[in-house]
Protein backbone atom coordinates (compact mmCIF):
# COMPACT_ATOMS: atom_id res chain seq x y z
CA MET A 1 94.15 -127.33 7.03
CA LEU A 2 95.69 -130.70 6.19
CA LEU A 3 98.62 -130.80 3.79
CA ARG A 4 100.51 -134.07 3.65
CA ASN A 5 103.15 -135.52 1.37
CA GLU A 6 104.64 -138.88 2.39
CA ARG A 7 108.01 -137.86 0.99
CA TYR A 8 108.37 -135.27 3.76
CA PRO A 9 107.80 -136.83 7.19
CA ARG A 10 109.52 -134.00 9.06
CA ALA A 11 107.36 -131.37 7.36
CA ALA A 12 104.24 -133.34 8.33
CA ALA A 13 104.69 -132.07 11.88
CA TYR A 14 104.06 -128.47 10.76
CA PRO A 15 100.55 -127.06 10.24
CA GLY A 16 99.41 -126.77 6.65
CA ARG A 17 97.78 -123.46 7.54
CA TRP A 18 101.15 -122.08 8.66
CA MET A 19 102.82 -123.16 5.42
CA VAL A 20 100.10 -121.82 3.14
CA ASP A 21 99.92 -118.48 4.96
CA GLY A 22 103.67 -118.04 4.39
CA ALA A 23 103.61 -119.23 0.78
CA MET A 24 106.09 -117.74 -1.67
CA GLY A 25 106.75 -120.16 -4.55
CA PRO A 26 107.04 -123.95 -4.14
CA ASN A 27 106.71 -125.16 -0.53
CA PRO A 28 109.90 -124.00 1.24
CA VAL A 29 109.56 -126.51 4.07
CA TRP A 30 109.32 -129.44 1.68
CA GLN A 31 112.26 -128.06 -0.30
CA ALA A 32 114.33 -127.63 2.87
CA GLU A 33 113.64 -131.23 3.85
CA ALA A 34 114.58 -132.43 0.35
CA LEU A 35 117.85 -130.48 0.45
CA THR A 36 118.83 -131.78 3.89
CA GLU A 37 118.25 -135.37 2.80
CA LEU A 38 121.65 -135.04 1.16
CA MET A 39 123.17 -132.05 2.97
CA SER A 40 123.86 -132.87 6.60
CA LEU A 41 123.51 -130.18 9.26
CA GLU A 42 124.69 -130.59 12.84
CA ALA A 43 123.46 -128.96 16.03
CA GLY A 44 125.22 -125.70 16.80
CA MET A 45 126.16 -124.90 13.22
CA ARG A 46 125.75 -121.33 11.99
CA VAL A 47 123.66 -121.38 8.81
CA LEU A 48 122.75 -118.60 6.38
CA ASP A 49 119.30 -119.05 4.80
CA MET A 50 119.64 -116.68 1.84
CA GLY A 51 116.42 -115.38 0.31
CA CYS A 52 114.41 -116.96 3.11
CA GLY A 53 111.13 -115.21 2.29
CA THR A 54 108.82 -115.60 5.26
CA ALA A 55 111.48 -117.61 7.16
CA LEU A 56 109.54 -120.88 7.15
CA SER A 57 112.63 -122.76 5.97
CA SER A 58 114.74 -121.02 8.63
CA ILE A 59 112.34 -122.06 11.38
CA PHE A 60 112.25 -125.62 10.04
CA LEU A 61 116.06 -125.93 9.93
CA ALA A 62 116.48 -124.55 13.46
CA LYS A 63 113.83 -126.84 14.91
CA GLU A 64 114.78 -130.01 13.09
CA PHE A 65 118.58 -129.81 13.26
CA GLY A 66 119.39 -127.54 16.19
CA VAL A 67 121.29 -125.10 14.01
CA GLU A 68 121.42 -121.33 14.46
CA VAL A 69 120.03 -119.60 11.38
CA TRP A 70 120.43 -116.13 9.96
CA ALA A 71 117.25 -115.63 7.90
CA ALA A 72 118.17 -113.07 5.23
CA ASP A 73 115.68 -111.57 2.80
CA LEU A 74 115.24 -108.38 0.81
CA TRP A 75 111.47 -108.29 0.37
CA VAL A 76 110.10 -109.53 3.72
CA GLN A 77 110.82 -107.20 6.61
CA PRO A 78 112.74 -108.57 9.62
CA ASP A 79 110.04 -107.54 12.10
CA GLU A 80 107.50 -109.64 10.23
CA ASN A 81 109.82 -112.65 10.27
CA LEU A 82 110.73 -112.04 13.92
CA ARG A 83 107.05 -112.37 14.80
CA ARG A 84 106.94 -115.80 13.13
CA VAL A 85 110.20 -116.78 14.84
CA ALA A 86 108.84 -115.75 18.26
CA GLU A 87 105.60 -117.67 17.66
CA ALA A 88 107.75 -120.74 16.94
CA GLY A 89 109.68 -120.24 20.20
CA LEU A 90 112.98 -119.73 18.39
CA GLU A 91 114.10 -116.24 19.39
CA GLY A 92 117.87 -116.32 19.75
CA ARG A 93 118.17 -119.25 17.33
CA VAL A 94 116.73 -117.68 14.17
CA HIS A 95 117.91 -114.15 13.40
CA PRO A 96 115.90 -112.24 10.75
CA VAL A 97 118.06 -109.93 8.65
CA HIS A 98 117.18 -107.43 5.94
CA ALA A 99 119.81 -107.91 3.23
CA GLU A 100 120.36 -107.64 -0.49
CA ALA A 101 122.20 -110.62 -1.95
CA HIS A 102 125.14 -108.51 -3.16
CA ALA A 103 125.59 -106.59 0.09
CA LEU A 104 125.55 -109.17 2.87
CA PRO A 105 126.33 -107.80 6.35
CA PHE A 106 128.41 -110.72 7.59
CA ALA A 107 132.06 -111.44 8.26
CA GLU A 108 133.88 -113.67 5.81
CA GLY A 109 133.97 -117.30 6.93
CA PHE A 110 131.27 -116.71 9.55
CA PHE A 111 128.97 -119.57 8.51
CA ASP A 112 129.35 -123.33 8.65
CA ALA A 113 126.84 -123.73 5.81
CA LEU A 114 124.94 -121.63 3.29
CA VAL A 115 121.52 -122.62 1.99
CA SER A 116 119.04 -120.99 -0.35
CA ILE A 117 115.55 -122.43 -0.72
CA GLY A 118 113.69 -121.42 -3.87
CA ALA A 119 115.63 -118.20 -4.30
CA TYR A 120 119.22 -118.57 -5.54
CA HIS A 121 118.30 -118.34 -9.22
CA TYR A 122 117.12 -114.76 -8.66
CA PHE A 123 120.67 -113.57 -7.92
CA GLY A 124 123.10 -116.43 -8.44
CA THR A 125 123.18 -116.92 -12.22
CA ASP A 126 125.81 -114.18 -12.58
CA ASP A 127 129.19 -115.80 -13.34
CA LEU A 128 130.83 -113.82 -10.56
CA TYR A 129 128.27 -114.22 -7.79
CA LEU A 130 129.56 -117.47 -6.29
CA GLY A 131 132.93 -115.82 -5.75
CA TYR A 132 131.23 -113.28 -3.52
CA TYR A 133 128.74 -115.59 -1.82
CA SER A 134 131.23 -118.35 -0.99
CA ARG A 135 133.33 -115.90 1.07
CA PHE A 136 130.85 -116.20 3.90
CA VAL A 137 131.27 -119.94 4.48
CA LYS A 138 134.25 -121.54 6.18
CA PRO A 139 136.75 -123.50 4.10
CA GLY A 140 135.27 -126.96 3.65
CA GLY A 141 131.80 -125.67 4.51
CA ARG A 142 128.86 -126.65 2.34
CA ILE A 143 126.63 -124.63 0.08
CA GLY A 144 123.23 -125.99 -0.91
CA ILE A 145 120.41 -124.73 -3.10
CA ILE A 146 117.06 -126.06 -4.27
CA GLN A 147 114.69 -124.24 -6.61
CA PRO A 148 112.63 -124.51 -9.80
CA GLY A 149 114.66 -125.71 -12.76
CA LEU A 150 114.73 -127.43 -16.13
CA ALA A 151 115.56 -130.99 -17.15
CA GLU A 152 117.91 -129.69 -19.83
CA GLU A 153 118.97 -126.45 -21.46
CA TYR A 154 117.13 -125.18 -24.53
CA GLU A 155 118.68 -123.18 -27.38
CA MET A 156 115.49 -121.16 -27.55
CA LEU A 157 113.02 -120.32 -24.81
CA PRO A 158 110.29 -120.98 -24.08
CA PRO A 159 109.97 -124.70 -24.80
CA PRO A 160 107.16 -124.86 -27.40
CA HIS A 161 104.75 -126.82 -25.21
CA LEU A 162 105.07 -124.19 -22.44
CA ALA A 163 104.79 -121.05 -24.59
CA LEU A 164 101.27 -120.32 -23.37
CA TYR A 165 102.42 -120.12 -19.74
CA TRP A 166 105.98 -118.82 -19.95
CA GLN A 167 107.01 -115.71 -17.99
CA TRP A 168 110.15 -113.78 -18.90
CA ASP A 169 111.90 -114.43 -15.58
CA PHE A 170 111.68 -118.20 -16.06
CA CYS A 171 114.86 -117.70 -18.10
CA ALA A 172 116.70 -118.03 -14.76
CA TRP A 173 115.58 -121.65 -14.42
CA HIS A 174 118.41 -124.02 -15.32
CA SER A 175 119.30 -127.70 -15.39
CA PRO A 176 121.47 -129.54 -12.87
CA VAL A 177 124.17 -129.90 -15.54
CA TRP A 178 124.15 -126.13 -16.08
CA TRP A 179 124.47 -125.42 -12.35
CA ARG A 180 127.30 -127.93 -11.91
CA ARG A 181 129.32 -126.25 -14.65
CA HIS A 182 128.36 -122.77 -13.46
CA TRP A 183 129.79 -123.45 -10.02
CA GLU A 184 132.73 -125.72 -10.79
CA LYS A 185 134.20 -123.47 -13.49
CA THR A 186 135.11 -121.02 -10.71
CA GLY A 187 137.40 -123.55 -9.01
CA LEU A 188 136.04 -122.29 -5.69
CA VAL A 189 133.80 -125.26 -4.91
CA THR A 190 133.49 -128.95 -5.61
CA VAL A 191 129.95 -129.99 -6.50
CA GLU A 192 128.87 -133.13 -4.68
CA VAL A 193 125.27 -133.29 -5.93
CA ALA A 194 123.53 -131.71 -8.91
CA ASP A 195 120.25 -133.43 -9.65
CA ARG A 196 116.55 -133.09 -10.27
CA LEU A 197 114.52 -133.95 -7.21
CA PRO A 198 112.71 -137.18 -8.15
CA ASP A 199 109.11 -136.27 -8.98
CA GLY A 200 109.77 -132.77 -7.73
CA TRP A 201 107.27 -131.43 -10.26
CA ARG A 202 104.54 -133.46 -8.56
CA ASP A 203 105.38 -131.89 -5.18
CA TRP A 204 105.36 -128.45 -6.79
CA LEU A 205 101.98 -129.17 -8.41
CA GLN A 206 100.45 -130.58 -5.23
CA TRP A 207 101.51 -127.46 -3.37
CA ASN A 208 100.19 -125.10 -6.03
CA GLU A 209 96.85 -126.86 -6.12
CA ALA A 210 96.55 -126.70 -2.32
CA CYS A 211 97.30 -122.97 -2.32
CA ASP A 212 94.94 -122.33 -5.23
CA ARG A 213 92.09 -124.16 -3.50
CA ASP A 214 92.74 -122.25 -0.31
CA SER A 215 92.57 -118.93 -2.15
CA GLY A 216 89.32 -119.90 -3.86
CA THR A 217 90.92 -119.86 -7.32
CA PRO A 218 91.58 -123.48 -8.32
CA GLY A 219 93.40 -124.21 -11.56
CA ARG A 220 95.55 -121.09 -11.77
CA GLU A 221 98.11 -120.67 -14.53
CA GLU A 222 101.16 -122.17 -12.82
CA ALA A 223 99.26 -125.36 -11.94
CA GLN A 224 98.03 -125.53 -15.54
CA MET A 225 101.64 -125.22 -16.72
CA LEU A 226 102.80 -128.05 -14.47
CA HIS A 227 99.95 -130.27 -15.65
CA ALA A 228 100.76 -129.52 -19.30
CA ASP A 229 104.45 -130.28 -18.78
CA ALA A 230 103.97 -133.38 -16.56
CA GLY A 231 107.63 -133.47 -15.57
CA ARG A 232 109.00 -133.35 -19.11
CA THR A 233 110.86 -130.09 -18.58
CA LEU A 234 110.04 -128.56 -15.19
CA GLY A 235 110.99 -129.70 -11.73
CA LEU A 236 113.09 -128.85 -8.71
CA THR A 237 116.87 -128.59 -9.11
CA ARG A 238 119.08 -129.46 -6.14
CA VAL A 239 122.79 -128.56 -5.93
CA ILE A 240 125.19 -129.17 -3.03
CA ALA A 241 128.89 -128.30 -2.98
CA HIS A 242 131.71 -127.77 -0.51
CA HIS A 243 133.95 -124.73 -0.40
CA ASN A 244 137.44 -125.66 -1.48
CA THR A 245 140.25 -124.87 0.94
């Protein structure tokens, strides 16, 4: 199937069928490309892709930047991801790992960079989590996340215009300002970027509509929510920091 977005020329080289079959939330390949627009990766780096899902983002990063990726996820089994890695010709460069975010099986300072694509909000809103997570990146190494988020914080949730669609776990969606403070208050990192991906809600909606059409159920609830909001509140939040020495 064809799935094109001019914002993501690198992702255009990957089959739409492959992306849709591995779908878990907003398009992880598009999100990985958006993150690496501002977070440079160099060939040979060791990168942790935390909460990688079906490892599409891990495969993309290894292919596009020549990095070695540890694809860690709790819910998708490593043998399933290894099959995708082998089909992509990346055995030895992408290493699927079964791991819970609070019990990572790595040495401290092992990675040159940590990324999380569409997943960090599931485990990283705890005030103390960054102190644990940042141990695994070298001093000066970079940490980058991209995921659903809000334009601003609300005293009460849900925002009234989204009440019809709101799920309880959306409470983990936060604004760039919230994430900047959440990370910098630890003193462990310096945040270089905390922003909303320009028109990220449109990318999210385009992806949802493509997946809904493919499943034979167009106009599902999440796409309805994004239409109703039209970028007023919802979008994709991007945060990049470096680990202080």
